[in-house]
Amino acid sequence: MLLTRFGQDRRGGVAPMFALAIIPVIGFVGAAIDYSRANSIKTSMQAALDATSLAMAKLAPTLTQSQLQTQTNAYFQALFNKPDAKNVVITPTYTTTGGSQLVVKVTGSVDTAFMKVMGYSSLSIGSSSTVKWGMNRLRVALALDNTGSMNSDGKIGALKTATKSLLTQLQAAATTNGDVYVSIIPFSRDVNAKDIGSYSSNWIRWTKTNSDTDSWDDNNGSCSSGWGWGWGGGGSNNANCSGTWTPDNHNTWNGCITDRDKNYDVTGTAPVVGTAATLFPAEQYDNCPVPMSGLSYDWNKMNSLVNTMKRASGVAQLPSAVLPPTA
């Protein structure tokens, strides 16, 4: 009878509604507390992770994956001291594609205190940190003056010392072979391209064009029959030969090339077979410098090349803004 009257009394309707509402209210308040605690742990995790990534980036190129895993885990655990974080797993990944990169990821969980009543016994936490350094690939071309002007005041010696110092720095900057490539171009009036091609290379020109007064074929050969400037009816070049001029075999070329025709001497146009003005004129220059080297990371070979440099006579004139292909 009493219960019936209580149930029919509208003045008591707030009590059962409050009793039903208090459960989700407590759940939401408890969820906020659990999330706040998990977020605090994640913030500490991120700080420890960033410090670990920076420290491991210095060592990663020299470690195996197993060594990297062990040292990364030890470093992180020394910085991250949160007993509430469970099942913590840290994973480092080092790559060299497109430059050096270390990615360190960490995952874990935090047990809940209030959200258990809502069916959630734990919250997952995790983060990652990425460190990038280096470059896609550095290409350096060193055009080194080997002209007669380098003979005074120890200039050629100073040039060798400075060049080898730069090579040492570039080698140290390369994390792996191929990060840095260097080409070395000693020049006087000409450059020596013999080591990056041969007399049969299709980017070399042997005959003259309309802008030339002569060519390699005109200046290197022998004259027979007739009368010219030389004794016995022979001339010293094609222009002075009154008989038959026979160019030397191109395999006697010493490797020197000179400026291309205007305006190809100041443009980046690659040599085009069949277009003579784009090709590099061969020249048998007596003061040809030591052979240039194409792009390479053979540091010992480059240092040896620098050691062999010597000054030549002639004016400083780097032949063309575009050097021959290095294939």
C-alpha atoms as a PDB file:
ATOM      1  CA  MET A   1       0.000   0.000   0.000  1.00  0.00           C
ATOM      2  CA  LEU A   2       2.818   2.374   0.924  1.00  0.00           C
ATOM      3  CA  LEU A   3       4.814   1.462  -2.150  1.00  0.00           C
ATOM      4  CA  THR A   4       1.798   1.963  -4.361  1.00  0.00           C
ATOM      5  CA  ARG A   5       1.194   5.417  -2.975  1.00  0.00           C
ATOM      6  CA  PHE A   6       4.908   6.271  -3.380  1.00  0.00           C
ATOM      7  CA  GLY A   7       4.880   5.205  -6.994  1.00  0.00           C
ATOM      8  CA  GLN A   8       1.786   7.225  -7.705  1.00  0.00           C
ATOM      9  CA  ASP A   9       3.141  10.343  -6.003  1.00  0.00           C
ATOM     10  CA  ARG A  10       4.536  12.621  -8.737  1.00  0.00           C
ATOM     11  CA  ARG A  11       6.577  14.563  -6.206  1.00  0.00           C
ATOM     12  CA  GLY A  12       9.039  11.639  -5.996  1.00  0.00           C
ATOM     13  CA  GLY A  13       9.687  11.437  -9.779  1.00  0.00           C
ATOM     14  CA  VAL A  14      13.065  13.220  -9.594  1.00  0.00           C
ATOM     15  CA  ALA A  15      14.670  10.572  -7.408  1.00  0.00           C
ATOM     16  CA  PRO A  16      14.542   7.638  -9.843  1.00  0.00           C
ATOM     17  CA  MET A  17      15.565   9.877 -12.756  1.00  0.00           C
ATOM     18  CA  PHE A  18      18.580  11.111 -10.790  1.00  0.00           C
ATOM     19  CA  ALA A  19      19.487   7.546  -9.827  1.00  0.00           C
ATOM     20  CA  LEU A  20      19.464   6.523 -13.493  1.00  0.00           C
ATOM     21  CA  ALA A  21      21.399   9.616 -14.676  1.00  0.00           C
ATOM     22  CA  ILE A  22      24.134   9.442 -12.072  1.00  0.00           C
ATOM     23  CA  ILE A  23      25.697   6.332 -13.670  1.00  0.00           C
ATOM     24  CA  PRO A  24      26.626   7.922 -17.050  1.00  0.00           C
ATOM     25  CA  VAL A  25      27.533  11.201 -15.323  1.00  0.00           C
ATOM     26  CA  ILE A  26      30.035   9.379 -13.136  1.00  0.00           C
ATOM     27  CA  GLY A  27      31.201   7.486 -16.201  1.00  0.00           C
ATOM     28  CA  PHE A  28      31.871  10.674 -18.218  1.00  0.00           C
ATOM     29  CA  VAL A  29      33.634  12.358 -15.282  1.00  0.00           C
ATOM     30  CA  GLY A  30      35.698   9.240 -14.779  1.00  0.00           C
ATOM     31  CA  ALA A  31      36.500   9.095 -18.521  1.00  0.00           C
ATOM     32  CA  ALA A  32      37.795  12.673 -18.382  1.00  0.00           C
ATOM     33  CA  ILE A  33      40.046  11.725 -15.491  1.00  0.00           C
ATOM     34  CA  ASP A  34      41.327   8.594 -17.254  1.00  0.00           C
ATOM     35  CA  TYR A  35      41.937  10.467 -20.524  1.00  0.00           C
ATOM     36  CA  SER A  36      43.736  13.277 -18.691  1.00  0.00           C
ATOM     37  CA  ARG A  37      46.025  10.781 -16.978  1.00  0.00           C
ATOM     38  CA  ALA A  38      46.718   8.955 -20.255  1.00  0.00           C
ATOM     39  CA  ASN A  39      47.461  12.243 -22.047  1.00  0.00           C
ATOM     40  CA  SER A  40      49.918  13.251 -19.323  1.00  0.00           C
ATOM     41  CA  ILE A  41      51.769   9.951 -19.781  1.00  0.00           C
ATOM     42  CA  LYS A  42      51.737  10.401 -23.568  1.00  0.00           C
ATOM     43  CA  THR A  43      53.268  13.891 -23.207  1.00  0.00           C
ATOM     44  CA  SER A  44      56.128  12.439 -21.173  1.00  0.00           C
ATOM     45  CA  MET A  45      56.450   9.649 -23.734  1.00  0.00           C
ATOM     46  CA  GLN A  46      56.788  12.169 -26.597  1.00  0.00           C
ATOM     47  CA  ALA A  47      59.475  14.166 -24.774  1.00  0.00           C
ATOM     48  CA  ALA A  48      61.510  11.008 -24.090  1.00  0.00           C
ATOM     49  CA  LEU A  49      60.953   9.848 -27.677  1.00  0.00           C
ATOM     50  CA  ASP A  50      62.208  13.102 -29.230  1.00  0.00           C
ATOM     51  CA  ALA A  51      65.365  13.038 -27.105  1.00  0.00           C
ATOM     52  CA  THR A  52      65.934   9.388 -28.006  1.00  0.00           C
ATOM     53  CA  SER A  53      65.528  10.044 -31.748  1.00  0.00           C
ATOM     54  CA  LEU A  54      68.039  12.892 -31.732  1.00  0.00           C
ATOM     55  CA  ALA A  55      70.567  10.827 -29.815  1.00  0.00           C
ATOM     56  CA  MET A  56      70.157   7.730 -32.008  1.00  0.00           C
ATOM     57  CA  ALA A  57      70.352   9.720 -35.263  1.00  0.00           C
ATOM     58  CA  LYS A  58      74.083  10.187 -34.668  1.00  0.00           C
ATOM     59  CA  LEU A  59      74.615   6.448 -34.218  1.00  0.00           C
ATOM     60  CA  ALA A  60      72.080   4.937 -36.628  1.00  0.00           C
ATOM     61  CA  PRO A  61      74.344   4.952 -39.739  1.00  0.00           C
ATOM     62  CA  THR A  62      76.963   2.884 -37.903  1.00  0.00           C
ATOM     63  CA  LEU A  63      74.635   0.319 -36.256  1.00  0.00           C
ATOM     64  CA  THR A  64      72.931  -2.831 -37.451  1.00  0.00           C
ATOM     65  CA  GLN A  65      69.145  -2.993 -37.041  1.00  0.00           C
ATOM     66  CA  SER A  66      69.552  -5.254 -34.015  1.00  0.00           C
ATOM     67  CA  GLN A  67      72.041  -2.885 -32.381  1.00  0.00           C
ATOM     68  CA  LEU A  68      69.845   0.103 -33.200  1.00  0.00           C
ATOM     69  CA  GLN A  69      66.834  -1.612 -31.602  1.00  0.00           C
ATOM     70  CA  THR A  70      68.744  -2.465 -28.423  1.00  0.00           C
ATOM     71  CA  GLN A  71      70.337   0.937 -27.936  1.00  0.00           C
ATOM     72  CA  THR A  72      67.174   2.864 -28.788  1.00  0.00           C
ATOM     73  CA  ASN A  73      65.145   0.850 -26.295  1.00  0.00           C
ATOM     74  CA  ALA A  74      67.759   1.296 -23.550  1.00  0.00           C
ATOM     75  CA  TYR A  75      68.010   5.056 -24.118  1.00  0.00           C
ATOM     76  CA  PHE A  76      64.242   5.513 -24.144  1.00  0.00           C
ATOM     77  CA  GLN A  77      63.657   3.439 -21.004  1.00  0.00           C
ATOM     78  CA  ALA A  78      66.286   5.496 -19.172  1.00  0.00           C
ATOM     79  CA  LEU A  79      64.323   8.681 -19.925  1.00  0.00           C
ATOM     80  CA  PHE A  80      60.750   7.414 -19.685  1.00  0.00           C
ATOM     81  CA  ASN A  81      59.859   6.476 -16.104  1.00  0.00           C
ATOM     82  CA  LYS A  82      56.094   6.034 -15.964  1.00  0.00           C
ATOM     83  CA  PRO A  83      55.049   2.788 -14.194  1.00  0.00           C
ATOM     84  CA  ASP A  84      51.420   3.361 -15.255  1.00  0.00           C
ATOM     85  CA  ALA A  85      52.426   2.842 -18.898  1.00  0.00           C
ATOM     86  CA  LYS A  86      52.036  -0.844 -19.768  1.00  0.00           C
ATOM     87  CA  ASN A  87      53.230  -2.972 -22.704  1.00  0.00           C
ATOM     88  CA  VAL A  88      55.570  -0.273 -24.023  1.00  0.00           C
ATOM     89  CA  VAL A  89      57.140  -1.224 -27.376  1.00  0.00           C
ATOM     90  CA  ILE A  90      59.619   1.021 -29.197  1.00  0.00           C
ATOM     91  CA  THR A  91      60.526   0.514 -32.881  1.00  0.00           C
ATOM     92  CA  PRO A  92      63.313   2.427 -34.696  1.00  0.00           C
ATOM     93  CA  THR A  93      63.574   2.461 -38.515  1.00  0.00           C
ATOM     94  CA  TYR A  94      66.610   3.919 -40.299  1.00  0.00           C
ATOM     95  CA  THR A  95      66.542   4.562 -44.078  1.00  0.00           C
ATOM     96  CA  THR A  96      68.794   6.366 -46.577  1.00  0.00           C
ATOM     97  CA  THR A  97      66.354   6.847 -49.465  1.00  0.00           C
ATOM     98  CA  GLY A  98      66.174  10.546 -50.335  1.00  0.00           C
ATOM     99  CA  GLY A  99      68.606  11.417 -47.555  1.00  0.00           C
ATOM    100  CA  SER A 100      69.138   9.860 -44.128  1.00  0.00           C
ATOM    101  CA  GLN A 101      66.073   9.423 -41.929  1.00  0.00           C
ATOM    102  CA  LEU A 102      65.377   7.844 -38.547  1.00  0.00           C
ATOM    103  CA  VAL A 103      61.773   7.183 -37.500  1.00  0.00           C
ATOM    104  CA  VAL A 104      61.172   5.986 -33.935  1.00  0.00           C
ATOM    105  CA  LYS A 105      57.691   4.800 -32.952  1.00  0.00           C
ATOM    106  CA  VAL A 106      56.434   3.782 -29.516  1.00  0.00           C
ATOM    107  CA  THR A 107      53.170   2.167 -28.429  1.00  0.00           C
ATOM    108  CA  GLY A 108      51.721   1.251 -25.037  1.00  0.00           C
ATOM    109  CA  SER A 109      48.596   1.309 -22.880  1.00  0.00           C
ATOM    110  CA  VAL A 110      47.298   2.777 -19.627  1.00  0.00           C
ATOM    111  CA  ASP A 111      44.877   0.912 -17.332  1.00  0.00           C
ATOM    112  CA  THR A 112      41.661   2.851 -16.623  1.00  0.00           C
ATOM    113  CA  ALA A 113      40.261   3.536 -13.153  1.00  0.00           C
ATOM    114  CA  PHE A 114      36.741   4.760 -13.935  1.00  0.00           C
ATOM    115  CA  MET A 115      36.043   3.683 -17.509  1.00  0.00           C
ATOM    116  CA  LYS A 116      36.009   0.033 -16.509  1.00  0.00           C
ATOM    117  CA  VAL A 117      32.360   0.466 -15.544  1.00  0.00           C
ATOM    118  CA  MET A 118      31.751   1.390 -19.196  1.00  0.00           C
ATOM    119  CA  GLY A 119      33.610  -1.670 -20.494  1.00  0.00           C
ATOM    120  CA  TYR A 120      37.012  -0.089 -21.217  1.00  0.00           C
ATOM    121  CA  SER A 121      39.777  -1.600 -19.128  1.00  0.00           C
ATOM    122  CA  SER A 122      42.671   0.270 -20.826  1.00  0.00           C
ATOM    123  CA  LEU A 123      43.513   3.141 -23.194  1.00  0.00           C
ATOM    124  CA  SER A 124      46.037   2.842 -25.994  1.00  0.00           C
ATOM    125  CA  ILE A 125      48.774   5.464 -26.254  1.00  0.00           C
ATOM    126  CA  GLY A 126      51.554   5.954 -28.768  1.00  0.00           C
ATOM    127  CA  SER A 127      53.622   8.453 -30.693  1.00  0.00           C
ATOM    128  CA  SER A 128      56.412   8.785 -33.252  1.00  0.00           C
ATOM    129  CA  SER A 129      59.407  11.017 -33.880  1.00  0.00           C
ATOM    130  CA  THR A 130      61.252  11.596 -37.178  1.00  0.00           C
ATOM    131  CA  VAL A 131      64.761  12.956 -37.673  1.00  0.00           C
ATOM    132  CA  LYS A 132      65.955  13.791 -41.206  1.00  0.00           C
ATOM    133  CA  TRP A 133      69.386  14.957 -42.251  1.00  0.00           C
ATOM    134  CA  GLY A 134      71.742  14.996 -45.175  1.00  0.00           C
ATOM    135  CA  MET A 135      70.628  15.662 -48.743  1.00  0.00           C
ATOM    136  CA  ASN A 136      69.186  13.780 -51.683  1.00  0.00           C
ATOM    137  CA  ARG A 137      72.660  13.753 -53.246  1.00  0.00           C
ATOM    138  CA  LEU A 138      75.211  16.530 -53.450  1.00  0.00           C
ATOM    139  CA  ARG A 139      77.037  17.175 -56.721  1.00  0.00           C
ATOM    140  CA  VAL A 140      80.195  19.329 -56.627  1.00  0.00           C
ATOM    141  CA  ALA A 141      82.361  20.382 -59.583  1.00  0.00           C
ATOM    142  CA  LEU A 142      85.791  21.854 -58.778  1.00  0.00           C
ATOM    143  CA  ALA A 143      87.337  23.888 -61.625  1.00  0.00           C
ATOM    144  CA  LEU A 144      90.966  24.353 -60.563  1.00  0.00           C
ATOM    145  CA  ASP A 145      93.312  26.907 -62.116  1.00  0.00           C
ATOM    146  CA  ASN A 146      96.487  25.232 -63.413  1.00  0.00           C
ATOM    147  CA  THR A 147      97.688  28.122 -65.593  1.00  0.00           C
ATOM    148  CA  GLY A 148     101.099  29.759 -65.528  1.00  0.00           C
ATOM    149  CA  SER A 149      99.856  32.405 -63.088  1.00  0.00           C
ATOM    150  CA  MET A 150      99.777  29.697 -60.395  1.00  0.00           C
ATOM    151  CA  ASN A 151     103.583  29.410 -60.497  1.00  0.00           C
ATOM    152  CA  SER A 152     104.257  32.353 -58.177  1.00  0.00           C
ATOM    153  CA  ASP A 153     103.878  32.772 -54.409  1.00  0.00           C
ATOM    154  CA  GLY A 154     103.213  29.091 -53.802  1.00  0.00           C
ATOM    155  CA  LYS A 155      99.762  29.320 -55.391  1.00  0.00           C
ATOM    156  CA  ILE A 156      99.636  25.832 -56.880  1.00  0.00           C
ATOM    157  CA  GLY A 157     100.679  24.299 -53.546  1.00  0.00           C
ATOM    158  CA  ALA A 158      98.066  26.319 -51.682  1.00  0.00           C
ATOM    159  CA  LEU A 159      95.449  25.218 -54.216  1.00  0.00           C
ATOM    160  CA  LYS A 160      96.309  21.552 -53.646  1.00  0.00           C
ATOM    161  CA  THR A 161      96.134  21.938 -49.866  1.00  0.00           C
ATOM    162  CA  ALA A 162      92.793  23.752 -49.970  1.00  0.00           C
ATOM    163  CA  THR A 163      91.304  21.267 -52.425  1.00  0.00           C
ATOM    164  CA  LYS A 164      92.291  18.226 -50.382  1.00  0.00           C
ATOM    165  CA  SER A 165      90.925  19.876 -47.243  1.00  0.00           C
ATOM    166  CA  LEU A 166      87.598  20.419 -49.000  1.00  0.00           C
ATOM    167  CA  LEU A 167      87.555  16.804 -50.197  1.00  0.00           C
ATOM    168  CA  THR A 168      88.090  15.639 -46.614  1.00  0.00           C
ATOM    169  CA  GLN A 169      85.125  17.725 -45.435  1.00  0.00           C
ATOM    170  CA  LEU A 170      82.880  16.477 -48.232  1.00  0.00           C
ATOM    171  CA  GLN A 171      83.823  12.876 -47.509  1.00  0.00           C
ATOM    172  CA  ALA A 172      82.998  13.372 -43.818  1.00  0.00           C
ATOM    173  CA  ALA A 173      79.614  14.871 -44.759  1.00  0.00           C
ATOM    174  CA  ALA A 174      78.641  11.735 -46.706  1.00  0.00           C
ATOM    175  CA  THR A 175      76.828   9.241 -44.500  1.00  0.00           C
ATOM    176  CA  THR A 176      76.935   6.547 -47.156  1.00  0.00           C
ATOM    177  CA  ASN A 177      78.798   6.146 -50.453  1.00  0.00           C
ATOM    178  CA  GLY A 178      77.078   8.213 -53.104  1.00  0.00           C
ATOM    179  CA  ASP A 179      75.699  10.935 -50.823  1.00  0.00           C
ATOM    180  CA  VAL A 180      78.350  13.252 -52.281  1.00  0.00           C
ATOM    181  CA  TYR A 181      79.804  13.135 -55.788  1.00  0.00           C
ATOM    182  CA  VAL A 182      82.707  15.350 -56.866  1.00  0.00           C
ATOM    183  CA  SER A 183      84.248  16.066 -60.259  1.00  0.00           C
ATOM    184  CA  ILE A 184      87.647  17.754 -60.608  1.00  0.00           C
ATOM    185  CA  ILE A 185      88.507  19.866 -63.666  1.00  0.00           C
ATOM    186  CA  PRO A 186      92.087  21.198 -63.766  1.00  0.00           C
ATOM    187  CA  PHE A 187      92.257  23.840 -66.503  1.00  0.00           C
ATOM    188  CA  SER A 188      94.800  25.984 -68.290  1.00  0.00           C
ATOM    189  CA  ARG A 189      93.950  27.180 -71.785  1.00  0.00           C
ATOM    190  CA  ASP A 190      92.266  23.828 -72.330  1.00  0.00           C
ATOM    191  CA  VAL A 191      91.016  20.972 -70.193  1.00  0.00           C
ATOM    192  CA  ASN A 192      92.106  17.354 -70.536  1.00  0.00           C
ATOM    193  CA  ALA A 193      89.120  15.083 -71.138  1.00  0.00           C
ATOM    194  CA  LYS A 194      91.015  11.930 -71.980  1.00  0.00           C
ATOM    195  CA  ASP A 195      89.950  10.029 -68.841  1.00  0.00           C
ATOM    196  CA  ILE A 196      86.224  10.616 -69.338  1.00  0.00           C
ATOM    197  CA  GLY A 197      86.113   9.640 -72.979  1.00  0.00           C
ATOM    198  CA  SER A 198      88.255   8.463 -75.854  1.00  0.00           C
ATOM    199  CA  TYR A 199      89.170   9.716 -79.299  1.00  0.00           C
ATOM    200  CA  SER A 200      86.103   7.846 -80.607  1.00  0.00           C
ATOM    201  CA  SER A 201      83.654   9.732 -78.343  1.00  0.00           C
ATOM    202  CA  ASN A 202      80.880  11.351 -80.358  1.00  0.00           C
ATOM    203  CA  TRP A 203      81.038  14.664 -78.455  1.00  0.00           C
ATOM    204  CA  ILE A 204      84.513  15.496 -79.871  1.00  0.00           C
ATOM    205  CA  ARG A 205      84.936  17.582 -83.034  1.00  0.00           C
ATOM    206  CA  TRP A 206      87.979  17.064 -85.267  1.00  0.00           C
ATOM    207  CA  THR A 207      87.137  19.204 -88.298  1.00  0.00           C
ATOM    208  CA  LYS A 208      86.523  22.921 -88.489  1.00  0.00           C
ATOM    209  CA  THR A 209      83.238  24.784 -88.776  1.00  0.00           C
ATOM    210  CA  ASN A 210      82.581  28.159 -90.388  1.00  0.00           C
ATOM    211  CA  SER A 211      83.769  29.935 -87.232  1.00  0.00           C
ATOM    212  CA  ASP A 212      87.127  28.092 -87.152  1.00  0.00           C
ATOM    213  CA  THR A 213      90.325  29.019 -88.979  1.00  0.00           C
ATOM    214  CA  ASP A 214      91.647  25.489 -88.500  1.00  0.00           C
ATOM    215  CA  SER A 215      91.014  22.291 -86.568  1.00  0.00           C
ATOM    216  CA  TRP A 216      92.817  19.291 -85.035  1.00  0.00           C
ATOM    217  CA  ASP A 217      92.822  17.566 -88.420  1.00  0.00           C
ATOM    218  CA  ASP A 218      94.295  20.713 -89.997  1.00  0.00           C
ATOM    219  CA  ASN A 219      97.100  21.087 -87.442  1.00  0.00           C
ATOM    220  CA  ASN A 220      98.139  17.494 -86.838  1.00  0.00           C
ATOM    221  CA  GLY A 221      99.322  15.464 -89.778  1.00  0.00           C
ATOM    222  CA  SER A 222     101.852  15.319 -92.582  1.00  0.00           C
ATOM    223  CA  CYS A 223     102.249  16.970 -95.969  1.00  0.00           C
ATOM    224  CA  SER A 224     103.577  15.119 -98.983  1.00  0.00           C
ATOM    225  CA  SER A 225     104.406  16.268-102.531  1.00  0.00           C
ATOM    226  CA  GLY A 226     104.260  19.823-103.777  1.00  0.00           C
ATOM    227  CA  TRP A 227     105.991  22.826-102.232  1.00  0.00           C
ATOM    228  CA  GLY A 228     104.985  24.521 -99.062  1.00  0.00           C
ATOM    229  CA  TRP A 229     106.449  26.414 -96.135  1.00  0.00           C
ATOM    230  CA  GLY A 230     108.329  23.375 -94.941  1.00  0.00           C
ATOM    231  CA  TRP A 231     111.411  21.792 -96.483  1.00  0.00           C
ATOM    232  CA  GLY A 232     110.964  18.974 -98.939  1.00  0.00           C
ATOM    233  CA  GLY A 233     107.682  20.328-100.194  1.00  0.00           C
ATOM    234  CA  GLY A 234     105.831  19.704 -96.882  1.00  0.00           C
ATOM    235  CA  GLY A 235     103.928  22.217 -94.743  1.00  0.00           C
ATOM    236  CA  SER A 236     103.519  22.235 -90.955  1.00  0.00           C
ATOM    237  CA  ASN A 237      99.748  22.296 -91.278  1.00  0.00           C
ATOM    238  CA  ASN A 238      97.033  21.926 -93.850  1.00  0.00           C
ATOM    239  CA  ALA A 239      96.988  25.622 -94.694  1.00  0.00           C
ATOM    240  CA  ASN A 240     100.723  25.612 -95.495  1.00  0.00           C
ATOM    241  CA  CYS A 241     100.734  22.342 -97.375  1.00  0.00           C
ATOM    242  CA  SER A 242     100.971  22.754-101.137  1.00  0.00           C
ATOM    243  CA  GLY A 243     100.667  19.019-101.668  1.00  0.00           C
ATOM    244  CA  THR A 244      98.569  16.359-100.016  1.00  0.00           C
ATOM    245  CA  TRP A 245      97.762  16.794 -96.321  1.00  0.00           C
ATOM    246  CA  THR A 246      97.169  13.608 -94.308  1.00  0.00           C
ATOM    247  CA  PRO A 247      95.767  14.096 -90.777  1.00  0.00           C
ATOM    248  CA  ASP A 248      97.257  12.009 -87.991  1.00  0.00           C
ATOM    249  CA  ASN A 249      95.306   9.121 -86.519  1.00  0.00           C
ATOM    250  CA  HIS A 250      92.963  10.417 -83.821  1.00  0.00           C
ATOM    251  CA  ASN A 251      94.386   7.894 -81.355  1.00  0.00           C
ATOM    252  CA  THR A 252      97.415  10.197 -81.038  1.00  0.00           C
ATOM    253  CA  TRP A 253      95.246  12.912 -79.461  1.00  0.00           C
ATOM    254  CA  ASN A 254      96.551  14.002 -76.057  1.00  0.00           C
ATOM    255  CA  GLY A 255      93.085  14.627 -74.579  1.00  0.00           C
ATOM    256  CA  CYS A 256      92.864  18.417 -74.780  1.00  0.00           C
ATOM    257  CA  ILE A 257      89.616  20.155 -75.733  1.00  0.00           C
ATOM    258  CA  THR A 258      88.913  23.858 -76.069  1.00  0.00           C
ATOM    259  CA  ASP A 259      85.968  26.259 -76.252  1.00  0.00           C
ATOM    260  CA  ARG A 260      82.913  25.396 -78.262  1.00  0.00           C
ATOM    261  CA  ASP A 261      81.535  27.761 -80.893  1.00  0.00           C
ATOM    262  CA  LYS A 262      79.528  30.757 -79.778  1.00  0.00           C
ATOM    263  CA  ASN A 263      77.058  30.794 -78.159  1.00  0.00           C
ATOM    264  CA  TYR A 264      77.432  27.188 -77.061  1.00  0.00           C
ATOM    265  CA  ASP A 265      80.537  28.185 -75.090  1.00  0.00           C
ATOM    266  CA  VAL A 266      78.310  29.912 -72.504  1.00  0.00           C
ATOM    267  CA  THR A 267      75.151  27.791 -72.553  1.00  0.00           C
ATOM    268  CA  GLY A 268      74.127  24.520 -71.004  1.00  0.00           C
ATOM    269  CA  THR A 269      73.243  22.852 -74.278  1.00  0.00           C
ATOM    270  CA  ALA A 270      74.440  19.254 -74.375  1.00  0.00           C
ATOM    271  CA  PRO A 271      76.482  18.084 -77.381  1.00  0.00           C
ATOM    272  CA  VAL A 272      74.299  16.965 -80.285  1.00  0.00           C
ATOM    273  CA  VAL A 273      75.689  14.459 -82.752  1.00  0.00           C
ATOM    274  CA  GLY A 274      75.447  15.956 -86.230  1.00  0.00           C
ATOM    275  CA  THR A 275      75.467  19.552 -84.978  1.00  0.00           C
ATOM    276  CA  ALA A 276      79.161  20.453 -85.153  1.00  0.00           C
ATOM    277  CA  ALA A 277      78.916  23.730 -83.234  1.00  0.00           C
ATOM    278  CA  THR A 278      77.684  21.890 -80.136  1.00  0.00           C
ATOM    279  CA  LEU A 279      80.668  19.524 -80.030  1.00  0.00           C
ATOM    280  CA  PHE A 280      83.932  20.070 -78.144  1.00  0.00           C
ATOM    281  CA  PRO A 281      86.881  20.869 -80.468  1.00  0.00           C
ATOM    282  CA  ALA A 282      89.934  18.659 -79.955  1.00  0.00           C
ATOM    283  CA  GLU A 283      93.275  20.423 -79.665  1.00  0.00           C
ATOM    284  CA  GLN A 284      96.819  19.072 -79.322  1.00  0.00           C
ATOM    285  CA  TYR A 285      97.814  21.687 -76.728  1.00  0.00           C
ATOM    286  CA  ASP A 286     101.385  21.175 -75.433  1.00  0.00           C
ATOM    287  CA  ASN A 287     100.513  22.475 -71.945  1.00  0.00           C
ATOM    288  CA  CYS A 288      97.457  20.287 -71.492  1.00  0.00           C
ATOM    289  CA  PRO A 289      96.770  19.902 -67.735  1.00  0.00           C
ATOM    290  CA  VAL A 290      96.336  16.558 -65.989  1.00  0.00           C
ATOM    291  CA  PRO A 291      93.125  14.746 -66.983  1.00  0.00           C
ATOM    292  CA  MET A 292      89.903  15.846 -65.370  1.00  0.00           C
ATOM    293  CA  SER A 293      87.754  13.342 -63.474  1.00  0.00           C
ATOM    294  CA  GLY A 294      84.013  12.892 -63.784  1.00  0.00           C
ATOM    295  CA  LEU A 295      81.585  12.704 -60.858  1.00  0.00           C
ATOM    296  CA  SER A 296      82.836  10.179 -58.338  1.00  0.00           C
ATOM    297  CA  TYR A 297      83.138   9.354 -54.641  1.00  0.00           C
ATOM    298  CA  ASP A 298      86.516   7.651 -55.033  1.00  0.00           C
ATOM    299  CA  TRP A 299      88.237   9.948 -52.531  1.00  0.00           C
ATOM    300  CA  ASN A 300      91.679   8.335 -52.819  1.00  0.00           C
ATOM    301  CA  LYS A 301      91.670   8.711 -56.593  1.00  0.00           C
ATOM    302  CA  MET A 302      90.598  12.361 -56.366  1.00  0.00           C
ATOM    303  CA  ASN A 303      93.333  13.182 -53.852  1.00  0.00           C
ATOM    304  CA  SER A 304      95.884  11.488 -56.080  1.00  0.00           C
ATOM    305  CA  LEU A 305      94.696  13.551 -59.044  1.00  0.00           C
ATOM    306  CA  VAL A 306      95.099  16.758 -57.044  1.00  0.00           C
ATOM    307  CA  ASN A 307      98.636  15.730 -56.070  1.00  0.00           C
ATOM    308  CA  THR A 308      99.621  15.409 -59.744  1.00  0.00           C
ATOM    309  CA  MET A 309      98.438  18.909 -60.699  1.00  0.00           C
ATOM    310  CA  LYS A 310     101.101  21.326 -61.883  1.00  0.00           C
ATOM    311  CA  ARG A 311     100.975  24.784 -63.321  1.00  0.00           C
ATOM    312  CA  ALA A 312     101.121  25.201 -67.081  1.00  0.00           C
ATOM    313  CA  SER A 313     101.926  28.161 -69.277  1.00  0.00           C
ATOM    314  CA  GLY A 314      99.116  30.067 -70.903  1.00  0.00           C
ATOM    315  CA  VAL A 315      96.224  32.228 -69.851  1.00  0.00           C
ATOM    316  CA  ALA A 316      93.377  31.191 -67.597  1.00  0.00           C
ATOM    317  CA  GLN A 317      90.538  30.185 -69.845  1.00  0.00           C
ATOM    318  CA  LEU A 318      88.043  27.528 -68.731  1.00  0.00           C
ATOM    319  CA  PRO A 319      86.747  25.969 -71.938  1.00  0.00           C
ATOM    320  CA  SER A 320      82.988  26.274 -72.023  1.00  0.00           C
ATOM    321  CA  ALA A 321      80.360  26.570 -69.343  1.00  0.00           C
ATOM    322  CA  VAL A 322      79.377  23.018 -70.151  1.00  0.00           C
ATOM    323  CA  LEU A 323      81.823  20.185 -69.636  1.00  0.00           C
ATOM    324  CA  PRO A 324      81.767  16.984 -71.680  1.00  0.00           C
ATOM    325  CA  PRO A 325      79.453  14.153 -70.646  1.00  0.00           C
ATOM    326  CA  THR A 326      80.900  11.811 -68.014  1.00  0.00           C
ATOM    327  CA  ALA A 327      79.379   8.588 -69.244  1.00  0.00           C
END
